[in-house]
Amino acid sequence: MIRVIIERAINPKKVEEYHGFIRKAKNKASNVPGFLSGELLNILGKTNQVIVMSCWDSLEAWEIWAESEQRLELLEAMRPLLESDEKVTILESTNIK
C-alpha cells in the first residue's frame, strides 16, 4: 500500500470552486481499481493551503490514475485556481524489524 500526498496552494477567492473540483476528482478516482481512500485536509489557519491524501493498493494503481485522461483534464481545469504547481509526495510503509 502507498499513500499519496498532494500539496496545493489555492487562490483564496477560489477555494469553494476548488472544492467542487476535488469532489469530482474523488468520485472519479474511487472508480479506479486500487483506490482505497482519499481525504482533503487544510493546513491549520490557512484555508487556502490544502493537502489531498489518498491511499492506493500499489504504485501502479496510483500511476494509472495520475496519468489518466480524467485526472489530467481535471488538473488542467483546476490550474487557474492554483497559486503554484502542486507538489506530489508518494510514501510507502517501512517494515522495521
PDB file of N, CA and C in Angstrom:
ATOM      1  N   MET A   1       0.841  -1.175   0.000  1.00  0.00           N
ATOM      2  CA  MET A   1       0.000   0.000   0.000  1.00  0.00           C
ATOM      3  C   MET A   1       0.888   1.241   0.000  1.00  0.00           C
ATOM      4  N   ILE A   2       0.443   2.254  -0.712  1.00  0.00           N
ATOM      5  CA  ILE A   2       1.135   3.536  -0.718  1.00  0.00           C
ATOM      6  C   ILE A   2       0.151   4.639  -0.329  1.00  0.00           C
ATOM      7  N   ARG A   3       0.720   5.750   0.088  1.00  0.00           N
ATOM      8  CA  ARG A   3      -0.064   6.959   0.344  1.00  0.00           C
ATOM      9  C   ARG A   3       0.499   8.059  -0.553  1.00  0.00           C
ATOM     10  N   VAL A   4      -0.405   8.825  -1.110  1.00  0.00           N
ATOM     11  CA  VAL A   4      -0.016   9.935  -1.972  1.00  0.00           C
ATOM     12  C   VAL A   4      -0.469  11.221  -1.299  1.00  0.00           C
ATOM     13  N   ILE A   5       0.464  12.139  -1.142  1.00  0.00           N
ATOM     14  CA  ILE A   5       0.158  13.438  -0.554  1.00  0.00           C
ATOM     15  C   ILE A   5       0.359  14.490  -1.636  1.00  0.00           C
ATOM     16  N   ILE A   6      -0.697  15.250  -1.885  1.00  0.00           N
ATOM     17  CA  ILE A   6      -0.641  16.333  -2.875  1.00  0.00           C
ATOM     18  C   ILE A   6      -0.862  17.637  -2.125  1.00  0.00           C
ATOM     19  N   GLU A   7       0.112  18.540  -2.224  1.00  0.00           N
ATOM     20  CA  GLU A   7       0.009  19.845  -1.576  1.00  0.00           C
ATOM     21  C   GLU A   7      -0.342  20.883  -2.633  1.00  0.00           C
ATOM     22  N   ARG A   8      -1.345  21.691  -2.308  1.00  0.00           N
ATOM     23  CA  ARG A   8      -1.763  22.743  -3.242  1.00  0.00           C
ATOM     24  C   ARG A   8      -2.019  24.044  -2.504  1.00  0.00           C
ATOM     25  N   ALA A   9      -1.637  25.146  -3.138  1.00  0.00           N
ATOM     26  CA  ALA A   9      -1.954  26.494  -2.658  1.00  0.00           C
ATOM     27  C   ALA A   9      -3.034  27.040  -3.587  1.00  0.00           C
ATOM     28  N   ILE A  10      -4.189  27.319  -3.013  1.00  0.00           N
ATOM     29  CA  ILE A  10      -5.352  27.749  -3.790  1.00  0.00           C
ATOM     30  C   ILE A  10      -5.506  29.266  -3.675  1.00  0.00           C
ATOM     31  N   ASN A  11      -5.890  29.908  -4.767  1.00  0.00           N
ATOM     32  CA  ASN A  11      -6.239  31.321  -4.702  1.00  0.00           C
ATOM     33  C   ASN A  11      -7.340  31.462  -3.656  1.00  0.00           C
ATOM     34  N   PRO A  12      -7.158  32.304  -2.628  1.00  0.00           N
ATOM     35  CA  PRO A  12      -8.150  32.405  -1.551  1.00  0.00           C
ATOM     36  C   PRO A  12      -9.570  32.711  -2.031  1.00  0.00           C
ATOM     37  N   LYS A  13      -9.700  33.382  -3.156  1.00  0.00           N
ATOM     38  CA  LYS A  13     -11.031  33.704  -3.681  1.00  0.00           C
ATOM     39  C   LYS A  13     -11.647  32.533  -4.443  1.00  0.00           C
ATOM     40  N   LYS A  14     -10.889  31.447  -4.640  1.00  0.00           N
ATOM     41  CA  LYS A  14     -11.343  30.326  -5.458  1.00  0.00           C
ATOM     42  C   LYS A  14     -11.475  29.014  -4.664  1.00  0.00           C
ATOM     43  N   VAL A  15     -11.409  29.079  -3.335  1.00  0.00           N
ATOM     44  CA  VAL A  15     -11.408  27.860  -2.516  1.00  0.00           C
ATOM     45  C   VAL A  15     -12.687  27.046  -2.722  1.00  0.00           C
ATOM     46  N   GLU A  16     -13.846  27.686  -2.712  1.00  0.00           N
ATOM     47  CA  GLU A  16     -15.105  26.945  -2.875  1.00  0.00           C
ATOM     48  C   GLU A  16     -15.176  26.281  -4.254  1.00  0.00           C
ATOM     49  N   GLU A  17     -14.746  26.983  -5.270  1.00  0.00           N
ATOM     50  CA  GLU A  17     -14.718  26.421  -6.621  1.00  0.00           C
ATOM     51  C   GLU A  17     -13.775  25.212  -6.663  1.00  0.00           C
ATOM     52  N   TYR A  18     -12.645  25.327  -5.984  1.00  0.00           N
ATOM     53  CA  TYR A  18     -11.687  24.213  -5.897  1.00  0.00           C
ATOM     54  C   TYR A  18     -12.333  22.992  -5.253  1.00  0.00           C
ATOM     55  N   HIS A  19     -13.101  23.197  -4.192  1.00  0.00           N
ATOM     56  CA  HIS A  19     -13.762  22.071  -3.522  1.00  0.00           C
ATOM     57  C   HIS A  19     -14.662  21.300  -4.484  1.00  0.00           C
ATOM     58  N   GLY A  20     -15.292  21.990  -5.411  1.00  0.00           N
ATOM     59  CA  GLY A  20     -16.103  21.311  -6.423  1.00  0.00           C
ATOM     60  C   GLY A  20     -15.262  20.386  -7.292  1.00  0.00           C
ATOM     61  N   PHE A  21     -14.086  20.843  -7.687  1.00  0.00           N
ATOM     62  CA  PHE A  21     -13.185  20.001  -8.485  1.00  0.00           C
ATOM     63  C   PHE A  21     -12.719  18.786  -7.686  1.00  0.00           C
ATOM     64  N   ILE A  22     -12.437  18.981  -6.406  1.00  0.00           N
ATOM     65  CA  ILE A  22     -11.962  17.869  -5.582  1.00  0.00           C
ATOM     66  C   ILE A  22     -13.041  16.808  -5.425  1.00  0.00           C
ATOM     67  N   ARG A  23     -14.281  17.219  -5.273  1.00  0.00           N
ATOM     68  CA  ARG A  23     -15.377  16.234  -5.184  1.00  0.00           C
ATOM     69  C   ARG A  23     -15.441  15.402  -6.468  1.00  0.00           C
ATOM     70  N   LYS A  24     -15.336  16.055  -7.610  1.00  0.00           N
ATOM     71  CA  LYS A  24     -15.341  15.338  -8.891  1.00  0.00           C
ATOM     72  C   LYS A  24     -14.160  14.379  -8.977  1.00  0.00           C
ATOM     73  N   ALA A  25     -12.976  14.863  -8.593  1.00  0.00           N
ATOM     74  CA  ALA A  25     -11.768  14.032  -8.672  1.00  0.00           C
ATOM     75  C   ALA A  25     -11.896  12.801  -7.778  1.00  0.00           C
ATOM     76  N   LYS A  26     -12.392  12.981  -6.563  1.00  0.00           N
ATOM     77  CA  LYS A  26     -12.526  11.835  -5.654  1.00  0.00           C
ATOM     78  C   LYS A  26     -13.537  10.828  -6.194  1.00  0.00           C
ATOM     79  N   ASN A  27     -14.636  11.319  -6.734  1.00  0.00           N
ATOM     80  CA  ASN A  27     -15.639  10.412  -7.313  1.00  0.00           C
ATOM     81  C   ASN A  27     -15.049   9.602  -8.462  1.00  0.00           C
ATOM     82  N   LYS A  28     -14.286  10.245  -9.314  1.00  0.00           N
ATOM     83  CA  LYS A  28     -13.689   9.544 -10.448  1.00  0.00           C
ATOM     84  C   LYS A  28     -12.575   8.598  -9.984  1.00  0.00           C
ATOM     85  N   ALA A  29     -11.735   9.042  -9.050  1.00  0.00           N
ATOM     86  CA  ALA A  29     -10.644   8.199  -8.555  1.00  0.00           C
ATOM     87  C   ALA A  29     -11.185   6.963  -7.848  1.00  0.00           C
ATOM     88  N   SER A  30     -12.314   7.103  -7.171  1.00  0.00           N
ATOM     89  CA  SER A  30     -12.863   5.963  -6.418  1.00  0.00           C
ATOM     90  C   SER A  30     -13.291   4.819  -7.335  1.00  0.00           C
ATOM     91  N   ASN A  31     -13.418   5.080  -8.624  1.00  0.00           N
ATOM     92  CA  ASN A  31     -13.761   4.032  -9.585  1.00  0.00           C
ATOM     93  C   ASN A  31     -12.534   3.352 -10.180  1.00  0.00           C
ATOM     94  N   VAL A  32     -11.350   3.820  -9.821  1.00  0.00           N
ATOM     95  CA  VAL A  32     -10.112   3.248 -10.341  1.00  0.00           C
ATOM     96  C   VAL A  32      -9.722   2.056  -9.474  1.00  0.00           C
ATOM     97  N   PRO A  33      -9.517   0.874 -10.074  1.00  0.00           N
ATOM     98  CA  PRO A  33      -9.085  -0.278  -9.276  1.00  0.00           C
ATOM     99  C   PRO A  33      -7.810   0.059  -8.505  1.00  0.00           C
ATOM    100  N   GLY A  34      -7.809  -0.248  -7.218  1.00  0.00           N
ATOM    101  CA  GLY A  34      -6.647   0.019  -6.377  1.00  0.00           C
ATOM    102  C   GLY A  34      -6.790   1.243  -5.502  1.00  0.00           C
ATOM    103  N   PHE A  35      -7.801   2.086  -5.760  1.00  0.00           N
ATOM    104  CA  PHE A  35      -8.056   3.236  -4.895  1.00  0.00           C
ATOM    105  C   PHE A  35      -8.663   2.737  -3.594  1.00  0.00           C
ATOM    106  N   LEU A  36      -8.096   3.159  -2.460  1.00  0.00           N
ATOM    107  CA  LEU A  36      -8.604   2.725  -1.160  1.00  0.00           C
ATOM    108  C   LEU A  36      -9.342   3.830  -0.418  1.00  0.00           C
ATOM    109  N   SER A  37      -8.778   5.030  -0.393  1.00  0.00           N
ATOM    110  CA  SER A  37      -9.437   6.132   0.311  1.00  0.00           C
ATOM    111  C   SER A  37      -8.798   7.455  -0.079  1.00  0.00           C
ATOM    112  N   GLY A  38      -9.493   8.532   0.256  1.00  0.00           N
ATOM    113  CA  GLY A  38      -8.960   9.856  -0.003  1.00  0.00           C
ATOM    114  C   GLY A  38      -9.599  10.861   0.928  1.00  0.00           C
ATOM    115  N   GLU A  39      -8.841  11.883   1.291  1.00  0.00           N
ATOM    116  CA  GLU A  39      -9.390  12.947   2.123  1.00  0.00           C
ATOM    117  C   GLU A  39      -8.702  14.260   1.810  1.00  0.00           C
ATOM    118  N   LEU A  40      -9.405  15.342   2.128  1.00  0.00           N
ATOM    119  CA  LEU A  40      -8.900  16.693   1.916  1.00  0.00           C
ATOM    120  C   LEU A  40      -8.681  17.330   3.275  1.00  0.00           C
ATOM    121  N   LEU A  41      -7.484  17.862   3.491  1.00  0.00           N
ATOM    122  CA  LEU A  41      -7.133  18.498   4.758  1.00  0.00           C
ATOM    123  C   LEU A  41      -6.648  19.916   4.485  1.00  0.00           C
ATOM    124  N   ASN A  42      -6.948  20.819   5.419  1.00  0.00           N
ATOM    125  CA  ASN A  42      -6.409  22.175   5.354  1.00  0.00           C
ATOM    126  C   ASN A  42      -5.270  22.294   6.341  1.00  0.00           C
ATOM    127  N   ILE A  43      -4.263  23.059   5.976  1.00  0.00           N
ATOM    128  CA  ILE A  43      -3.207  23.389   6.924  1.00  0.00           C
ATOM    129  C   ILE A  43      -3.831  24.353   7.923  1.00  0.00           C
ATOM    130  N   LEU A  44      -3.672  24.063   9.195  1.00  0.00           N
ATOM    131  CA  LEU A  44      -4.298  24.825  10.267  1.00  0.00           C
ATOM    132  C   LEU A  44      -4.042  26.320  10.104  1.00  0.00           C
ATOM    133  N   GLY A  45      -5.132  27.082  10.068  1.00  0.00           N
ATOM    134  CA  GLY A  45      -5.032  28.526   9.960  1.00  0.00           C
ATOM    135  C   GLY A  45      -4.831  29.050   8.547  1.00  0.00           C
ATOM    136  N   LYS A  46      -4.737  28.150   7.570  1.00  0.00           N
ATOM    137  CA  LYS A  46      -4.516  28.565   6.178  1.00  0.00           C
ATOM    138  C   LYS A  46      -5.519  27.820   5.293  1.00  0.00           C
ATOM    139  N   THR A  47      -6.719  28.361   5.178  1.00  0.00           N
ATOM    140  CA  THR A  47      -7.781  27.658   4.460  1.00  0.00           C
ATOM    141  C   THR A  47      -7.494  27.475   2.975  1.00  0.00           C
ATOM    142  N   ASN A  48      -6.532  28.223   2.443  1.00  0.00           N
ATOM    143  CA  ASN A  48      -6.213  28.062   1.020  1.00  0.00           C
ATOM    144  C   ASN A  48      -5.008  27.139   0.801  1.00  0.00           C
ATOM    145  N   GLN A  49      -4.432  26.590   1.859  1.00  0.00           N
ATOM    146  CA  GLN A  49      -3.328  25.628   1.757  1.00  0.00           C
ATOM    147  C   GLN A  49      -3.908  24.250   2.057  1.00  0.00           C
ATOM    148  N   VAL A  50      -3.984  23.400   1.038  1.00  0.00           N
ATOM    149  CA  VAL A  50      -4.655  22.111   1.214  1.00  0.00           C
ATOM    150  C   VAL A  50      -3.707  20.948   0.953  1.00  0.00           C
ATOM    151  N   ILE A  51      -4.054  19.854   1.602  1.00  0.00           N
ATOM    152  CA  ILE A  51      -3.372  18.580   1.414  1.00  0.00           C
ATOM    153  C   ILE A  51      -4.437  17.578   0.981  1.00  0.00           C
ATOM    154  N   VAL A  52      -4.207  16.933  -0.132  1.00  0.00           N
ATOM    155  CA  VAL A  52      -5.055  15.829  -0.570  1.00  0.00           C
ATOM    156  C   VAL A  52      -4.257  14.570  -0.267  1.00  0.00           C
ATOM    157  N   MET A  53      -4.831  13.692   0.558  1.00  0.00           N
ATOM    158  CA  MET A  53      -4.140  12.460   0.911  1.00  0.00           C
ATOM    159  C   MET A  53      -4.984  11.282   0.437  1.00  0.00           C
ATOM    160  N   SER A  54      -4.349  10.397  -0.314  1.00  0.00           N
ATOM    161  CA  SER A  54      -5.058   9.219  -0.793  1.00  0.00           C
ATOM    162  C   SER A  54      -4.236   7.967  -0.540  1.00  0.00           C
ATOM    163  N   CYS A  55      -4.933   6.845  -0.415  1.00  0.00           N
ATOM    164  CA  CYS A  55      -4.294   5.546  -0.221  1.00  0.00           C
ATOM    165  C   CYS A  55      -4.618   4.674  -1.430  1.00  0.00           C
ATOM    166  N   TRP A  56      -3.612   3.947  -1.884  1.00  0.00           N
ATOM    167  CA  TRP A  56      -3.722   3.100  -3.065  1.00  0.00           C
ATOM    168  C   TRP A  56      -3.126   1.732  -2.767  1.00  0.00           C
ATOM    169  N   ASP A  57      -3.645   0.710  -3.422  1.00  0.00           N
ATOM    170  CA  ASP A  57      -3.104  -0.643  -3.278  1.00  0.00           C
ATOM    171  C   ASP A  57      -1.636  -0.726  -3.670  1.00  0.00           C
ATOM    172  N   SER A  58      -1.290   0.034  -4.717  1.00  0.00           N
ATOM    173  CA  SER A  58       0.064  -0.071  -5.267  1.00  0.00           C
ATOM    174  C   SER A  58       0.433   1.211  -5.995  1.00  0.00           C
ATOM    175  N   LEU A  59       1.714   1.364  -6.241  1.00  0.00           N
ATOM    176  CA  LEU A  59       2.198   2.486  -7.031  1.00  0.00           C
ATOM    177  C   LEU A  59       1.603   2.431  -8.436  1.00  0.00           C
ATOM    178  N   GLU A  60       1.481   1.238  -8.980  1.00  0.00           N
ATOM    179  CA  GLU A  60       0.928   1.085 -10.332  1.00  0.00           C
ATOM    180  C   GLU A  60      -0.509   1.603 -10.400  1.00  0.00           C
ATOM    181  N   ALA A  61      -1.311   1.321  -9.364  1.00  0.00           N
ATOM    182  CA  ALA A  61      -2.703   1.796  -9.340  1.00  0.00           C
ATOM    183  C   ALA A  61      -2.734   3.321  -9.330  1.00  0.00           C
ATOM    184  N   TRP A  62      -1.887   3.950  -8.502  1.00  0.00           N
ATOM    185  CA  TRP A  62      -1.798   5.412  -8.463  1.00  0.00           C
ATOM    186  C   TRP A  62      -1.379   5.961  -9.818  1.00  0.00           C
ATOM    187  N   GLU A  63      -0.374   5.353 -10.437  1.00  0.00           N
ATOM    188  CA  GLU A  63       0.123   5.853 -11.713  1.00  0.00           C
ATOM    189  C   GLU A  63      -0.939   5.788 -12.799  1.00  0.00           C
ATOM    190  N   ILE A  64      -1.771   4.764 -12.768  1.00  0.00           N
ATOM    191  CA  ILE A  64      -2.872   4.682 -13.738  1.00  0.00           C
ATOM    192  C   ILE A  64      -3.780   5.893 -13.585  1.00  0.00           C
ATOM    193  N   TRP A  65      -4.137   6.228 -12.339  1.00  0.00           N
ATOM    194  CA  TRP A  65      -4.977   7.403 -12.096  1.00  0.00           C
ATOM    195  C   TRP A  65      -4.208   8.695 -12.423  1.00  0.00           C
ATOM    196  N   ALA A  66      -2.960   8.788 -11.968  1.00  0.00           N
ATOM    197  CA  ALA A  66      -2.184  10.014 -12.153  1.00  0.00           C
ATOM    198  C   ALA A  66      -2.026  10.380 -13.622  1.00  0.00           C
ATOM    199  N   GLU A  67      -1.926   9.377 -14.470  1.00  0.00           N
ATOM    200  CA  GLU A  67      -1.702   9.606 -15.893  1.00  0.00           C
ATOM    201  C   GLU A  67      -2.983   9.519 -16.723  1.00  0.00           C
ATOM    202  N   SER A  68      -4.111   9.306 -16.043  1.00  0.00           N
ATOM    203  CA  SER A  68      -5.369   9.130 -16.775  1.00  0.00           C
ATOM    204  C   SER A  68      -5.839  10.445 -17.395  1.00  0.00           C
ATOM    205  N   GLU A  69      -6.554  10.315 -18.483  1.00  0.00           N
ATOM    206  CA  GLU A  69      -7.113  11.481 -19.157  1.00  0.00           C
ATOM    207  C   GLU A  69      -8.059  12.229 -18.225  1.00  0.00           C
ATOM    208  N   GLN A  70      -8.840  11.484 -17.419  1.00  0.00           N
ATOM    209  CA  GLN A  70      -9.782  12.122 -16.489  1.00  0.00           C
ATOM    210  C   GLN A  70      -9.060  13.038 -15.502  1.00  0.00           C
ATOM    211  N   ARG A  71      -7.987  12.536 -14.867  1.00  0.00           N
ATOM    212  CA  ARG A  71      -7.271  13.350 -13.892  1.00  0.00           C
ATOM    213  C   ARG A  71      -6.572  14.525 -14.568  1.00  0.00           C
ATOM    214  N   LEU A  72      -5.957  14.284 -15.706  1.00  0.00           N
ATOM    215  CA  LEU A  72      -5.252  15.363 -16.395  1.00  0.00           C
ATOM    216  C   LEU A  72      -6.203  16.476 -16.825  1.00  0.00           C
ATOM    217  N   GLU A  73      -7.409  16.110 -17.252  1.00  0.00           N
ATOM    218  CA  GLU A  73      -8.405  17.120 -17.617  1.00  0.00           C
ATOM    219  C   GLU A  73      -8.845  17.922 -16.397  1.00  0.00           C
ATOM    220  N   LEU A  74      -9.094  17.223 -15.276  1.00  0.00           N
ATOM    221  CA  LEU A  74      -9.472  17.923 -14.048  1.00  0.00           C
ATOM    222  C   LEU A  74      -8.354  18.860 -13.583  1.00  0.00           C
ATOM    223  N   LEU A  75      -7.128  18.382 -13.630  1.00  0.00           N
ATOM    224  CA  LEU A  75      -5.996  19.197 -13.200  1.00  0.00           C
ATOM    225  C   LEU A  75      -5.839  20.426 -14.091  1.00  0.00           C
ATOM    226  N   GLU A  76      -6.027  20.262 -15.370  1.00  0.00           N
ATOM    227  CA  GLU A  76      -5.917  21.398 -16.295  1.00  0.00           C
ATOM    228  C   GLU A  76      -7.012  22.430 -16.012  1.00  0.00           C
ATOM    229  N   ALA A  77      -8.228  21.962 -15.738  1.00  0.00           N
ATOM    230  CA  ALA A  77      -9.329  22.876 -15.425  1.00  0.00           C
ATOM    231  C   ALA A  77      -9.120  23.552 -14.071  1.00  0.00           C
ATOM    232  N   MET A  78      -8.460  22.858 -13.158  1.00  0.00           N
ATOM    233  CA  MET A  78      -8.208  23.366 -11.809  1.00  0.00           C
ATOM    234  C   MET A  78      -7.032  24.348 -11.767  1.00  0.00           C
ATOM    235  N   ARG A  79      -6.121  24.241 -12.689  1.00  0.00           N
ATOM    236  CA  ARG A  79      -4.877  25.018 -12.672  1.00  0.00           C
ATOM    237  C   ARG A  79      -5.093  26.529 -12.478  1.00  0.00           C
ATOM    238  N   PRO A  80      -6.104  27.160 -13.100  1.00  0.00           N
ATOM    239  CA  PRO A  80      -6.296  28.598 -12.880  1.00  0.00           C
ATOM    240  C   PRO A  80      -6.657  28.961 -11.430  1.00  0.00           C
ATOM    241  N   LEU A  81      -7.074  27.976 -10.638  1.00  0.00           N
ATOM    242  CA  LEU A  81      -7.434  28.228  -9.244  1.00  0.00           C
ATOM    243  C   LEU A  81      -6.220  28.159  -8.315  1.00  0.00           C
ATOM    244  N   LEU A  82      -5.114  27.625  -8.821  1.00  0.00           N
ATOM    245  CA  LEU A  82      -3.932  27.395  -8.002  1.00  0.00           C
ATOM    246  C   LEU A  82      -2.978  28.581  -8.050  1.00  0.00           C
ATOM    247  N   GLU A  83      -2.309  28.821  -6.936  1.00  0.00           N
ATOM    248  CA  GLU A  83      -1.301  29.873  -6.881  1.00  0.00           C
ATOM    249  C   GLU A  83       0.061  29.375  -7.345  1.00  0.00           C
ATOM    250  N   SER A  84       0.247  28.051  -7.351  1.00  0.00           N
ATOM    251  CA  SER A  84       1.507  27.446  -7.793  1.00  0.00           C
ATOM    252  C   SER A  84       1.221  26.003  -8.193  1.00  0.00           C
ATOM    253  N   ASP A  85       2.208  25.355  -8.790  1.00  0.00           N
ATOM    254  CA  ASP A  85       2.045  23.955  -9.172  1.00  0.00           C
ATOM    255  C   ASP A  85       1.898  23.086  -7.932  1.00  0.00           C
ATOM    256  N   GLU A  86       1.161  21.996  -8.085  1.00  0.00           N
ATOM    257  CA  GLU A  86       1.007  21.073  -6.963  1.00  0.00           C
ATOM    258  C   GLU A  86       2.317  20.340  -6.692  1.00  0.00           C
ATOM    259  N   LYS A  87       2.464  19.895  -5.468  1.00  0.00           N
ATOM    260  CA  LYS A  87       3.625  19.095  -5.077  1.00  0.00           C
ATOM    261  C   LYS A  87       3.107  17.719  -4.668  1.00  0.00           C
ATOM    262  N   VAL A  88       3.622  16.672  -5.316  1.00  0.00           N
ATOM    263  CA  VAL A  88       3.168  15.309  -5.052  1.00  0.00           C
ATOM    264  C   VAL A  88       4.298  14.549  -4.339  1.00  0.00           C
ATOM    265  N   THR A  89       3.934  13.903  -3.231  1.00  0.00           N
ATOM    266  CA  THR A  89       4.861  13.059  -2.480  1.00  0.00           C
ATOM    267  C   THR A  89       4.224  11.687  -2.342  1.00  0.00           C
ATOM    268  N   ILE A  90       4.992  10.655  -2.633  1.00  0.00           N
ATOM    269  CA  ILE A  90       4.493   9.279  -2.524  1.00  0.00           C
ATOM    270  C   ILE A  90       5.230   8.599  -1.380  1.00  0.00           C
ATOM    271  N   LEU A  91       4.454   8.036  -0.470  1.00  0.00           N
ATOM    272  CA  LEU A  91       5.004   7.366   0.699  1.00  0.00           C
ATOM    273  C   LEU A  91       4.689   5.877   0.654  1.00  0.00           C
ATOM    274  N   GLU A  92       5.623   5.093   1.163  1.00  0.00           N
ATOM    275  CA  GLU A  92       5.366   3.654   1.292  1.00  0.00           C
ATOM    276  C   GLU A  92       5.694   3.226   2.709  1.00  0.00           C
ATOM    277  N   SER A  93       5.069   2.168   3.155  1.00  0.00           N
ATOM    278  CA  SER A  93       5.315   1.645   4.501  1.00  0.00           C
ATOM    279  C   SER A  93       6.721   1.096   4.600  1.00  0.00           C
ATOM    280  N   THR A  94       7.311   1.286   5.740  1.00  0.00           N
ATOM    281  CA  THR A  94       8.623   0.744   6.022  1.00  0.00           C
ATOM    282  C   THR A  94       8.452  -0.384   7.037  1.00  0.00           C
ATOM    283  N   ASN A  95       8.983  -1.532   6.706  1.00  0.00           N
ATOM    284  CA  ASN A  95       8.916  -2.658   7.622  1.00  0.00           C
ATOM    285  C   ASN A  95      10.130  -2.610   8.549  1.00  0.00           C
ATOM    286  N   ILE A  96       9.916  -2.148   9.756  1.00  0.00           N
ATOM    287  CA  ILE A  96      11.003  -2.066  10.734  1.00  0.00           C
ATOM    288  C   ILE A  96      11.013  -3.356  11.541  1.00  0.00           C
ATOM    289  N   LYS A  97      12.183  -3.967  11.638  1.00  0.00           N
ATOM    290  CA  LYS A  97      12.294  -5.235  12.380  1.00  0.00           C
ATOM    291  C   LYS A  97      13.156  -5.044  13.597  1.00  0.00           C
TER     292      LYS A  97
END
